[in-house]
């Protein structure tokens, strides 16, 4: 049901890949993937109603099918926000709904703060507010729940260098020895994906896409996601009257529920939907069903 796709040149370096899926005359919904650097997948299409939704997918700079892959130059949060606006105008869309999970929720909110008049509503999952505290939690705190995964994550790092895991990974993910780089990218992604579900399963990921995720995530994290600490909650009033469903797994270790709770308390037009058996992954049945329900109800209610 993909009816339009291509690459949009957004700078002298970057071309972002996009696809339109569903009903060309349907209600426009922008899908923002996580990571940063993860790209979108064919599975994400299953979330949407092909009869009523006009879904716009795109791979953010350096991710998925965007070119060049894993590129860090001119790759920052402000440029991603500008890319979204360029894509909206290119596709001649007046206003759209925004869906985003994890890092996608961060980017969705930041886009909304800058462009509130272009947003019909938000559906957000697994809230990440882009703070240093959350980044440190990812690097150090999650080991309290997934010690096996964390042990694999830091296995090659000396005790002294474990004091700054991010610095070590960032340096080594950008070195010239590609064998080492790909091995470390695999460890980074294995750590994150193994902690994303309720039950611990050691997952392995390799290849160029794995490198893109690890390298771009480390790049954003070492730069504090290119936003001032606490920026989102300090500026949430700019979107707080726009309808928003916040979907949060009770057992989300990567993005703990406190982030979603804080966001909901500062977003007057939001509904917080805690999924009691859910974790971080949107692919688990309970999370998947709640996302579909929220997509349908908020879009129907807002479009009346």
C-alpha atoms as a PDB file:
ATOM      1  CA  UNK A   1       0.000   0.000   0.000  1.00  0.00           C
ATOM      2  CA  UNK A   2       2.987   2.314  -0.476  1.00  0.00           C
ATOM      3  CA  UNK A   3       1.872   4.912  -3.017  1.00  0.00           C
ATOM      4  CA  UNK A   4       4.785   7.354  -2.983  1.00  0.00           C
ATOM      5  CA  UNK A   5       8.455   7.105  -2.077  1.00  0.00           C
ATOM      6  CA  UNK A   6      11.796   8.716  -2.801  1.00  0.00           C
ATOM      7  CA  UNK A   7      14.718  10.713  -1.468  1.00  0.00           C
ATOM      8  CA  UNK A   8      14.403  14.381  -0.525  1.00  0.00           C
ATOM      9  CA  UNK A   9      17.609  16.423  -0.552  1.00  0.00           C
ATOM     10  CA  UNK A  10      17.702  18.406   2.678  1.00  0.00           C
ATOM     11  CA  UNK A  11      21.328  19.620   2.627  1.00  0.00           C
ATOM     12  CA  UNK A  12      24.477  19.413   0.543  1.00  0.00           C
ATOM     13  CA  UNK A  13      25.286  16.218   2.426  1.00  0.00           C
ATOM     14  CA  UNK A  14      22.002  14.535   3.313  1.00  0.00           C
ATOM     15  CA  UNK A  15      19.102  12.999   1.398  1.00  0.00           C
ATOM     16  CA  UNK A  16      16.296  11.611   3.543  1.00  0.00           C
ATOM     17  CA  UNK A  17      14.302   8.595   2.392  1.00  0.00           C
ATOM     18  CA  UNK A  18      10.517   8.790   2.732  1.00  0.00           C
ATOM     19  CA  UNK A  19       7.482   6.643   1.984  1.00  0.00           C
ATOM     20  CA  UNK A  20       3.771   7.385   1.959  1.00  0.00           C
ATOM     21  CA  UNK A  21       1.556   4.477   2.935  1.00  0.00           C
ATOM     22  CA  UNK A  22      -2.186   3.850   3.151  1.00  0.00           C
ATOM     23  CA  UNK A  23      -4.892   6.114   1.731  1.00  0.00           C
ATOM     24  CA  UNK A  24      -3.600   9.068  -0.364  1.00  0.00           C
ATOM     25  CA  UNK A  25      -6.719  10.992   0.676  1.00  0.00           C
ATOM     26  CA  UNK A  26      -6.621   9.854   4.294  1.00  0.00           C
ATOM     27  CA  UNK A  27      -5.760  11.669   7.496  1.00  0.00           C
ATOM     28  CA  UNK A  28      -2.019  12.488   7.453  1.00  0.00           C
ATOM     29  CA  UNK A  29       0.059  10.889  10.204  1.00  0.00           C
ATOM     30  CA  UNK A  30       3.818  11.380  10.449  1.00  0.00           C
ATOM     31  CA  UNK A  31       5.752   8.450  11.925  1.00  0.00           C
ATOM     32  CA  UNK A  32       8.982   9.340  13.750  1.00  0.00           C
ATOM     33  CA  UNK A  33      11.297   6.417  14.452  1.00  0.00           C
ATOM     34  CA  UNK A  34      13.490   5.980  17.479  1.00  0.00           C
ATOM     35  CA  UNK A  35      17.172   5.668  18.100  1.00  0.00           C
ATOM     36  CA  UNK A  36      18.206   8.188  16.987  1.00  0.00           C
ATOM     37  CA  UNK A  37      19.465   6.300  13.969  1.00  0.00           C
ATOM     38  CA  UNK A  38      17.114   3.305  14.010  1.00  0.00           C
ATOM     39  CA  UNK A  39      15.103   4.001  10.848  1.00  0.00           C
ATOM     40  CA  UNK A  40      11.579   2.706  10.233  1.00  0.00           C
ATOM     41  CA  UNK A  41      10.691  -0.883   9.346  1.00  0.00           C
ATOM     42  CA  UNK A  42       7.949  -2.711   7.457  1.00  0.00           C
ATOM     43  CA  UNK A  43       6.529  -3.841  10.808  1.00  0.00           C
ATOM     44  CA  UNK A  44       5.574  -0.266  11.677  1.00  0.00           C
ATOM     45  CA  UNK A  45       3.074  -0.257   8.818  1.00  0.00           C
ATOM     46  CA  UNK A  46       0.938  -2.762  10.736  1.00  0.00           C
ATOM     47  CA  UNK A  47       0.094  -0.104  13.311  1.00  0.00           C
ATOM     48  CA  UNK A  48      -2.002   1.920  10.903  1.00  0.00           C
ATOM     49  CA  UNK A  49      -5.414   1.711   9.248  1.00  0.00           C
ATOM     50  CA  UNK A  50      -4.717   1.684   5.516  1.00  0.00           C
ATOM     51  CA  UNK A  51      -8.281   2.812   4.750  1.00  0.00           C
ATOM     52  CA  UNK A  52      -8.234   5.994   6.833  1.00  0.00           C
ATOM     53  CA  UNK A  53      -4.576   6.918   7.421  1.00  0.00           C
ATOM     54  CA  UNK A  54      -2.136   8.585   5.058  1.00  0.00           C
ATOM     55  CA  UNK A  55       1.070   7.623   6.836  1.00  0.00           C
ATOM     56  CA  UNK A  56       4.336   9.398   6.155  1.00  0.00           C
ATOM     57  CA  UNK A  57       7.440   7.436   7.120  1.00  0.00           C
ATOM     58  CA  UNK A  58      10.941   8.793   6.782  1.00  0.00           C
ATOM     59  CA  UNK A  59      14.425   7.786   7.850  1.00  0.00           C
ATOM     60  CA  UNK A  60      16.165  10.552   9.777  1.00  0.00           C
ATOM     61  CA  UNK A  61      19.622  11.733   8.736  1.00  0.00           C
ATOM     62  CA  UNK A  62      22.107   8.874   8.542  1.00  0.00           C
ATOM     63  CA  UNK A  63      19.467   6.213   9.272  1.00  0.00           C
ATOM     64  CA  UNK A  64      17.804   3.437   7.282  1.00  0.00           C
ATOM     65  CA  UNK A  65      17.747   4.190   3.570  1.00  0.00           C
ATOM     66  CA  UNK A  66      18.707   7.844   3.972  1.00  0.00           C
ATOM     67  CA  UNK A  67      22.014   8.856   2.437  1.00  0.00           C
ATOM     68  CA  UNK A  68      24.799   8.775   3.422  1.00  0.00           C
ATOM     69  CA  UNK A  69      24.318   6.029   6.017  1.00  0.00           C
ATOM     70  CA  UNK A  70      25.683   6.666   9.530  1.00  0.00           C
ATOM     71  CA  UNK A  71      26.808  10.186   8.566  1.00  0.00           C
ATOM     72  CA  UNK A  72      27.373  12.460  11.573  1.00  0.00           C
ATOM     73  CA  UNK A  73      28.155  15.735   9.828  1.00  0.00           C
ATOM     74  CA  UNK A  74      25.220  18.174   9.898  1.00  0.00           C
ATOM     75  CA  UNK A  75      23.359  15.593  11.951  1.00  0.00           C
ATOM     76  CA  UNK A  76      21.723  17.193  14.979  1.00  0.00           C
ATOM     77  CA  UNK A  77      18.294  17.709  16.492  1.00  0.00           C
ATOM     78  CA  UNK A  78      17.683  21.151  15.023  1.00  0.00           C
ATOM     79  CA  UNK A  79      18.402  19.881  11.506  1.00  0.00           C
ATOM     80  CA  UNK A  80      15.992  16.966  12.002  1.00  0.00           C
ATOM     81  CA  UNK A  81      13.243  19.382  13.017  1.00  0.00           C
ATOM     82  CA  UNK A  82      13.914  21.428   9.878  1.00  0.00           C
ATOM     83  CA  UNK A  83      13.831  18.239   7.780  1.00  0.00           C
ATOM     84  CA  UNK A  84      10.350  17.426   9.053  1.00  0.00           C
ATOM     85  CA  UNK A  85       9.104  20.832   7.953  1.00  0.00           C
ATOM     86  CA  UNK A  86      10.783  20.475   4.562  1.00  0.00           C
ATOM     87  CA  UNK A  87       9.068  17.123   4.101  1.00  0.00           C
ATOM     88  CA  UNK A  88       5.668  18.495   5.154  1.00  0.00           C
ATOM     89  CA  UNK A  89       5.900  21.324   2.645  1.00  0.00           C
ATOM     90  CA  UNK A  90       7.269  19.054  -0.087  1.00  0.00           C
ATOM     91  CA  UNK A  91       4.294  16.701   0.334  1.00  0.00           C
ATOM     92  CA  UNK A  92       1.909  19.683   0.461  1.00  0.00           C
ATOM     93  CA  UNK A  93       0.443  18.749   3.830  1.00  0.00           C
ATOM     94  CA  UNK A  94      -1.188  21.533   5.836  1.00  0.00           C
ATOM     95  CA  UNK A  95      -1.398  19.827   9.231  1.00  0.00           C
ATOM     96  CA  UNK A  96      -0.727  16.311  10.444  1.00  0.00           C
ATOM     97  CA  UNK A  97      -0.796  14.004  13.431  1.00  0.00           C
ATOM     98  CA  UNK A  98       2.586  13.069  14.878  1.00  0.00           C
ATOM     99  CA  UNK A  99       3.423   9.584  16.152  1.00  0.00           C
ATOM    100  CA  UNK A 100       6.734   8.906  17.863  1.00  0.00           C
ATOM    101  CA  UNK A 101       8.211   6.316  20.210  1.00  0.00           C
ATOM    102  CA  UNK A 102      11.263   6.622  22.466  1.00  0.00           C
ATOM    103  CA  UNK A 103      13.603   9.082  20.675  1.00  0.00           C
ATOM    104  CA  UNK A 104      10.722   9.553  18.247  1.00  0.00           C
ATOM    105  CA  UNK A 105       8.661  10.962  21.134  1.00  0.00           C
ATOM    106  CA  UNK A 106      11.451  13.442  21.895  1.00  0.00           C
ATOM    107  CA  UNK A 107      11.642  14.607  18.313  1.00  0.00           C
ATOM    108  CA  UNK A 108       7.850  14.779  18.016  1.00  0.00           C
ATOM    109  CA  UNK A 109       7.562  17.083  21.017  1.00  0.00           C
ATOM    110  CA  UNK A 110      10.460  19.272  19.904  1.00  0.00           C
ATOM    111  CA  UNK A 111       8.938  19.588  16.434  1.00  0.00           C
ATOM    112  CA  UNK A 112       5.609  20.508  18.005  1.00  0.00           C
ATOM    113  CA  UNK A 113       7.186  23.170  20.219  1.00  0.00           C
ATOM    114  CA  UNK A 114       8.682  24.793  17.111  1.00  0.00           C
ATOM    115  CA  UNK A 115       5.680  24.232  14.813  1.00  0.00           C
ATOM    116  CA  UNK A 116       2.500  23.928  16.934  1.00  0.00           C
ATOM    117  CA  UNK A 117       0.235  25.235  14.173  1.00  0.00           C
ATOM    118  CA  UNK A 118       1.170  22.274  11.960  1.00  0.00           C
ATOM    119  CA  UNK A 119       0.145  19.638  14.527  1.00  0.00           C
ATOM    120  CA  UNK A 120      -3.334  18.132  14.793  1.00  0.00           C
ATOM    121  CA  UNK A 121      -2.417  15.835  17.666  1.00  0.00           C
ATOM    122  CA  UNK A 122       0.226  13.529  19.094  1.00  0.00           C
ATOM    123  CA  UNK A 123       0.507   9.828  19.866  1.00  0.00           C
ATOM    124  CA  UNK A 124       3.649   9.233  21.916  1.00  0.00           C
ATOM    125  CA  UNK A 125       5.104   5.982  23.278  1.00  0.00           C
ATOM    126  CA  UNK A 126       7.930   5.310  25.736  1.00  0.00           C
ATOM    127  CA  UNK A 127       8.725   8.889  26.666  1.00  0.00           C
ATOM    128  CA  UNK A 128      12.312  10.132  26.475  1.00  0.00           C
ATOM    129  CA  UNK A 129      12.775  13.789  27.438  1.00  0.00           C
ATOM    130  CA  UNK A 130      16.381  14.027  26.270  1.00  0.00           C
ATOM    131  CA  UNK A 131      17.912  14.863  29.653  1.00  0.00           C
ATOM    132  CA  UNK A 132      21.388  13.985  30.918  1.00  0.00           C
ATOM    133  CA  UNK A 133      19.786  12.035  33.752  1.00  0.00           C
ATOM    134  CA  UNK A 134      18.034   9.762  31.248  1.00  0.00           C
ATOM    135  CA  UNK A 135      21.218   9.266  29.223  1.00  0.00           C
ATOM    136  CA  UNK A 136      23.123   8.337  32.396  1.00  0.00           C
ATOM    137  CA  UNK A 137      20.326   5.930  33.305  1.00  0.00           C
ATOM    138  CA  UNK A 138      20.738   4.199  29.942  1.00  0.00           C
ATOM    139  CA  UNK A 139      24.496   3.871  30.467  1.00  0.00           C
ATOM    140  CA  UNK A 140      24.588   2.973  34.168  1.00  0.00           C
ATOM    141  CA  UNK A 141      21.151   2.590  35.752  1.00  0.00           C
ATOM    142  CA  UNK A 142      19.666  -0.183  33.628  1.00  0.00           C
ATOM    143  CA  UNK A 143      22.280  -2.641  34.913  1.00  0.00           C
ATOM    144  CA  UNK A 144      20.211  -2.939  38.108  1.00  0.00           C
ATOM    145  CA  UNK A 145      17.553  -4.731  36.067  1.00  0.00           C
ATOM    146  CA  UNK A 146      19.585  -6.293  33.258  1.00  0.00           C
ATOM    147  CA  UNK A 147      23.041  -7.003  34.742  1.00  0.00           C
ATOM    148  CA  UNK A 148      23.837  -9.664  32.130  1.00  0.00           C
ATOM    149  CA  UNK A 149      23.208  -7.271  29.254  1.00  0.00           C
ATOM    150  CA  UNK A 150      25.198  -4.506  30.926  1.00  0.00           C
ATOM    151  CA  UNK A 151      28.118  -6.843  31.603  1.00  0.00           C
ATOM    152  CA  UNK A 152      28.307  -7.675  27.893  1.00  0.00           C
ATOM    153  CA  UNK A 153      28.040  -3.961  27.104  1.00  0.00           C
ATOM    154  CA  UNK A 154      31.103  -2.983  29.171  1.00  0.00           C
ATOM    155  CA  UNK A 155      33.138  -6.187  28.880  1.00  0.00           C
ATOM    156  CA  UNK A 156      35.974  -4.663  26.821  1.00  0.00           C
ATOM    157  CA  UNK A 157      36.185  -1.407  28.781  1.00  0.00           C
ATOM    158  CA  UNK A 158      38.798  -0.999  31.514  1.00  0.00           C
ATOM    159  CA  UNK A 159      37.625  -0.189  35.042  1.00  0.00           C
ATOM    160  CA  UNK A 160      39.031   3.313  34.753  1.00  0.00           C
ATOM    161  CA  UNK A 161      37.311   3.988  31.418  1.00  0.00           C
ATOM    162  CA  UNK A 162      34.010   2.598  32.728  1.00  0.00           C
ATOM    163  CA  UNK A 163      33.675   5.897  34.572  1.00  0.00           C
ATOM    164  CA  UNK A 164      32.768   7.409  31.192  1.00  0.00           C
ATOM    165  CA  UNK A 165      31.259   4.615  29.097  1.00  0.00           C
ATOM    166  CA  UNK A 166      29.820   7.035  26.561  1.00  0.00           C
ATOM    167  CA  UNK A 167      33.141   8.719  25.859  1.00  0.00           C
ATOM    168  CA  UNK A 168      34.789   5.323  25.311  1.00  0.00           C
ATOM    169  CA  UNK A 169      32.080   4.099  22.924  1.00  0.00           C
ATOM    170  CA  UNK A 170      31.920   7.350  20.999  1.00  0.00           C
ATOM    171  CA  UNK A 171      35.670   7.360  20.448  1.00  0.00           C
ATOM    172  CA  UNK A 172      35.846   3.717  19.375  1.00  0.00           C
ATOM    173  CA  UNK A 173      32.733   3.743  17.194  1.00  0.00           C
ATOM    174  CA  UNK A 174      34.441   6.401  15.101  1.00  0.00           C
ATOM    175  CA  UNK A 175      37.865   4.804  14.722  1.00  0.00           C
ATOM    176  CA  UNK A 176      39.333   3.419  11.488  1.00  0.00           C
ATOM    177  CA  UNK A 177      39.354  -0.309  12.307  1.00  0.00           C
ATOM    178  CA  UNK A 178      35.982  -1.371  10.886  1.00  0.00           C
ATOM    179  CA  UNK A 179      36.110  -4.832  12.440  1.00  0.00           C
ATOM    180  CA  UNK A 180      36.323  -3.302  15.903  1.00  0.00           C
ATOM    181  CA  UNK A 181      33.706  -0.672  15.027  1.00  0.00           C
ATOM    182  CA  UNK A 182      31.158  -3.254  13.860  1.00  0.00           C
ATOM    183  CA  UNK A 183      31.813  -5.433  16.904  1.00  0.00           C
ATOM    184  CA  UNK A 184      31.196  -2.506  19.252  1.00  0.00           C
ATOM    185  CA  UNK A 185      28.097  -1.425  17.331  1.00  0.00           C
ATOM    186  CA  UNK A 186      26.738  -4.941  17.760  1.00  0.00           C
ATOM    187  CA  UNK A 187      27.388  -4.796  21.522  1.00  0.00           C
ATOM    188  CA  UNK A 188      25.697  -1.387  21.810  1.00  0.00           C
ATOM    189  CA  UNK A 189      22.586  -2.578  19.991  1.00  0.00           C
ATOM    190  CA  UNK A 190      22.497  -5.911  21.793  1.00  0.00           C
ATOM    191  CA  UNK A 191      22.490  -4.056  25.111  1.00  0.00           C
ATOM    192  CA  UNK A 192      19.635  -1.769  24.144  1.00  0.00           C
ATOM    193  CA  UNK A 193      17.440  -4.352  22.436  1.00  0.00           C
ATOM    194  CA  UNK A 194      17.976  -6.941  25.185  1.00  0.00           C
ATOM    195  CA  UNK A 195      16.645  -4.447  27.741  1.00  0.00           C
ATOM    196  CA  UNK A 196      13.624  -3.425  25.670  1.00  0.00           C
ATOM    197  CA  UNK A 197      11.253  -6.276  26.527  1.00  0.00           C
ATOM    198  CA  UNK A 198       9.739  -7.604  29.735  1.00  0.00           C
ATOM    199  CA  UNK A 199      11.653 -10.877  29.522  1.00  0.00           C
ATOM    200  CA  UNK A 200      15.405 -10.772  29.085  1.00  0.00           C
ATOM    201  CA  UNK A 201      16.507 -12.216  25.767  1.00  0.00           C
ATOM    202  CA  UNK A 202      20.030 -11.646  24.506  1.00  0.00           C
ATOM    203  CA  UNK A 203      19.621 -10.219  21.019  1.00  0.00           C
ATOM    204  CA  UNK A 204      22.343  -9.707  18.467  1.00  0.00           C
ATOM    205  CA  UNK A 205      22.427  -7.189  15.646  1.00  0.00           C
ATOM    206  CA  UNK A 206      25.090  -6.623  13.032  1.00  0.00           C
ATOM    207  CA  UNK A 207      25.780  -4.955   9.704  1.00  0.00           C
ATOM    208  CA  UNK A 208      25.619  -1.399   8.429  1.00  0.00           C
ATOM    209  CA  UNK A 209      22.262  -0.623  10.056  1.00  0.00           C
ATOM    210  CA  UNK A 210      23.652  -1.682  13.419  1.00  0.00           C
ATOM    211  CA  UNK A 211      26.580   0.681  12.911  1.00  0.00           C
ATOM    212  CA  UNK A 212      24.254   3.558  12.022  1.00  0.00           C
ATOM    213  CA  UNK A 213      22.185   3.146  15.182  1.00  0.00           C
ATOM    214  CA  UNK A 214      25.139   2.867  17.564  1.00  0.00           C
ATOM    215  CA  UNK A 215      27.201   5.634  16.001  1.00  0.00           C
ATOM    216  CA  UNK A 216      24.298   8.106  15.735  1.00  0.00           C
ATOM    217  CA  UNK A 217      22.969   7.352  19.227  1.00  0.00           C
ATOM    218  CA  UNK A 218      26.417   7.856  20.747  1.00  0.00           C
ATOM    219  CA  UNK A 219      26.807  11.067  18.724  1.00  0.00           C
ATOM    220  CA  UNK A 220      23.531  12.458  20.045  1.00  0.00           C
ATOM    221  CA  UNK A 221      24.084  11.296  23.623  1.00  0.00           C
ATOM    222  CA  UNK A 222      27.590  12.748  23.873  1.00  0.00           C
ATOM    223  CA  UNK A 223      26.051  16.061  22.768  1.00  0.00           C
ATOM    224  CA  UNK A 224      23.138  15.787  25.235  1.00  0.00           C
ATOM    225  CA  UNK A 225      20.774  15.327  22.282  1.00  0.00           C
ATOM    226  CA  UNK A 226      21.634  18.880  21.182  1.00  0.00           C
ATOM    227  CA  UNK A 227      19.071  20.376  23.564  1.00  0.00           C
ATOM    228  CA  UNK A 228      19.357  22.212  26.876  1.00  0.00           C
ATOM    229  CA  UNK A 229      18.705  20.037  29.905  1.00  0.00           C
ATOM    230  CA  UNK A 230      15.043  20.264  30.885  1.00  0.00           C
ATOM    231  CA  UNK A 231      14.118  22.117  27.685  1.00  0.00           C
ATOM    232  CA  UNK A 232      11.045  20.042  26.856  1.00  0.00           C
ATOM    233  CA  UNK A 233       9.162  20.453  30.134  1.00  0.00           C
ATOM    234  CA  UNK A 234      10.085  24.145  30.283  1.00  0.00           C
ATOM    235  CA  UNK A 235       8.511  24.721  26.861  1.00  0.00           C
ATOM    236  CA  UNK A 236       5.700  22.179  26.834  1.00  0.00           C
ATOM    237  CA  UNK A 237       3.111  24.951  27.240  1.00  0.00           C
ATOM    238  CA  UNK A 238       3.481  25.622  23.505  1.00  0.00           C
ATOM    239  CA  UNK A 239       1.747  22.311  22.691  1.00  0.00           C
ATOM    240  CA  UNK A 240      -0.123  21.578  25.923  1.00  0.00           C
ATOM    241  CA  UNK A 241      -3.542  22.398  24.433  1.00  0.00           C
ATOM    242  CA  UNK A 242      -3.071  20.026  21.475  1.00  0.00           C
ATOM    243  CA  UNK A 243      -4.562  16.521  22.043  1.00  0.00           C
ATOM    244  CA  UNK A 244      -2.006  13.879  22.965  1.00  0.00           C
ATOM    245  CA  UNK A 245      -2.127  10.214  23.950  1.00  0.00           C
ATOM    246  CA  UNK A 246       0.893   9.138  25.998  1.00  0.00           C
ATOM    247  CA  UNK A 247       1.401   5.371  25.933  1.00  0.00           C
ATOM    248  CA  UNK A 248       3.779   4.003  28.535  1.00  0.00           C
ATOM    249  CA  UNK A 249       4.779   0.479  29.508  1.00  0.00           C
ATOM    250  CA  UNK A 250       4.749   0.055  33.284  1.00  0.00           C
ATOM    251  CA  UNK A 251       7.936  -2.022  33.060  1.00  0.00           C
ATOM    252  CA  UNK A 252       9.819   0.132  30.565  1.00  0.00           C
ATOM    253  CA  UNK A 253      13.405   0.034  31.809  1.00  0.00           C
ATOM    254  CA  UNK A 254      14.908   2.099  28.978  1.00  0.00           C
ATOM    255  CA  UNK A 255      12.462   5.001  29.355  1.00  0.00           C
ATOM    256  CA  UNK A 256      10.989   4.672  32.882  1.00  0.00           C
ATOM    257  CA  UNK A 257       7.338   5.686  33.462  1.00  0.00           C
ATOM    258  CA  UNK A 258       8.304   8.736  35.530  1.00  0.00           C
ATOM    259  CA  UNK A 259       9.111  10.568  32.283  1.00  0.00           C
ATOM    260  CA  UNK A 260       5.635   9.926  30.883  1.00  0.00           C
ATOM    261  CA  UNK A 261       4.068  10.887  34.208  1.00  0.00           C
ATOM    262  CA  UNK A 262       5.928  14.218  34.342  1.00  0.00           C
ATOM    263  CA  UNK A 263       5.005  14.957  30.746  1.00  0.00           C
ATOM    264  CA  UNK A 264       1.318  14.212  31.314  1.00  0.00           C
ATOM    265  CA  UNK A 265       1.217  16.475  34.371  1.00  0.00           C
ATOM    266  CA  UNK A 266       2.499  19.368  32.270  1.00  0.00           C
ATOM    267  CA  UNK A 267       0.386  18.644  29.153  1.00  0.00           C
ATOM    268  CA  UNK A 268      -3.198  19.606  29.947  1.00  0.00           C
ATOM    269  CA  UNK A 269      -4.706  18.050  26.806  1.00  0.00           C
ATOM    270  CA  UNK A 270      -2.942  14.710  27.260  1.00  0.00           C
ATOM    271  CA  UNK A 271      -4.163  11.282  28.318  1.00  0.00           C
ATOM    272  CA  UNK A 272      -1.643   9.013  30.030  1.00  0.00           C
ATOM    273  CA  UNK A 273      -2.244   5.369  29.203  1.00  0.00           C
ATOM    274  CA  UNK A 274      -0.136   3.035  31.324  1.00  0.00           C
ATOM    275  CA  UNK A 275       0.097  -0.475  29.882  1.00  0.00           C
ATOM    276  CA  UNK A 276       0.504  -2.624  32.986  1.00  0.00           C
ATOM    277  CA  UNK A 277       2.191  -5.573  31.268  1.00  0.00           C
ATOM    278  CA  UNK A 278       4.133  -3.436  28.802  1.00  0.00           C
ATOM    279  CA  UNK A 279       7.816  -2.591  28.609  1.00  0.00           C
ATOM    280  CA  UNK A 280       9.739  -0.425  26.135  1.00  0.00           C
ATOM    281  CA  UNK A 281       9.166  -2.269  22.894  1.00  0.00           C
ATOM    282  CA  UNK A 282       6.179  -1.239  20.816  1.00  0.00           C
ATOM    283  CA  UNK A 283       6.231  -4.687  19.218  1.00  0.00           C
ATOM    284  CA  UNK A 284       4.855  -6.525  22.264  1.00  0.00           C
ATOM    285  CA  UNK A 285       1.181  -7.438  21.855  1.00  0.00           C
ATOM    286  CA  UNK A 286      -0.116  -5.331  24.751  1.00  0.00           C
ATOM    287  CA  UNK A 287       1.768  -2.236  23.609  1.00  0.00           C
ATOM    288  CA  UNK A 288       0.901  -2.805  19.965  1.00  0.00           C
ATOM    289  CA  UNK A 289      -2.828  -2.998  20.753  1.00  0.00           C
ATOM    290  CA  UNK A 290      -2.761   0.180  22.844  1.00  0.00           C
ATOM    291  CA  UNK A 291      -0.910   2.070  20.122  1.00  0.00           C
ATOM    292  CA  UNK A 292      -3.496   1.003  17.548  1.00  0.00           C
ATOM    293  CA  UNK A 293      -6.338   1.960  19.869  1.00  0.00           C
ATOM    294  CA  UNK A 294      -4.837   5.377  20.546  1.00  0.00           C
ATOM    295  CA  UNK A 295      -4.113   6.014  16.880  1.00  0.00           C
ATOM    296  CA  UNK A 296      -7.711   5.308  15.992  1.00  0.00           C
ATOM    297  CA  UNK A 297      -9.472   7.103  18.824  1.00  0.00           C
ATOM    298  CA  UNK A 298      -7.424  10.327  18.953  1.00  0.00           C
ATOM    299  CA  UNK A 299      -7.519  10.744  15.192  1.00  0.00           C
ATOM    300  CA  UNK A 300     -11.260  10.051  14.994  1.00  0.00           C
ATOM    301  CA  UNK A 301     -12.066  12.313  17.970  1.00  0.00           C
ATOM    302  CA  UNK A 302      -9.889  15.174  16.741  1.00  0.00           C
ATOM    303  CA  UNK A 303     -11.105  14.934  13.151  1.00  0.00           C
ATOM    304  CA  UNK A 304     -14.802  15.228  13.993  1.00  0.00           C
END
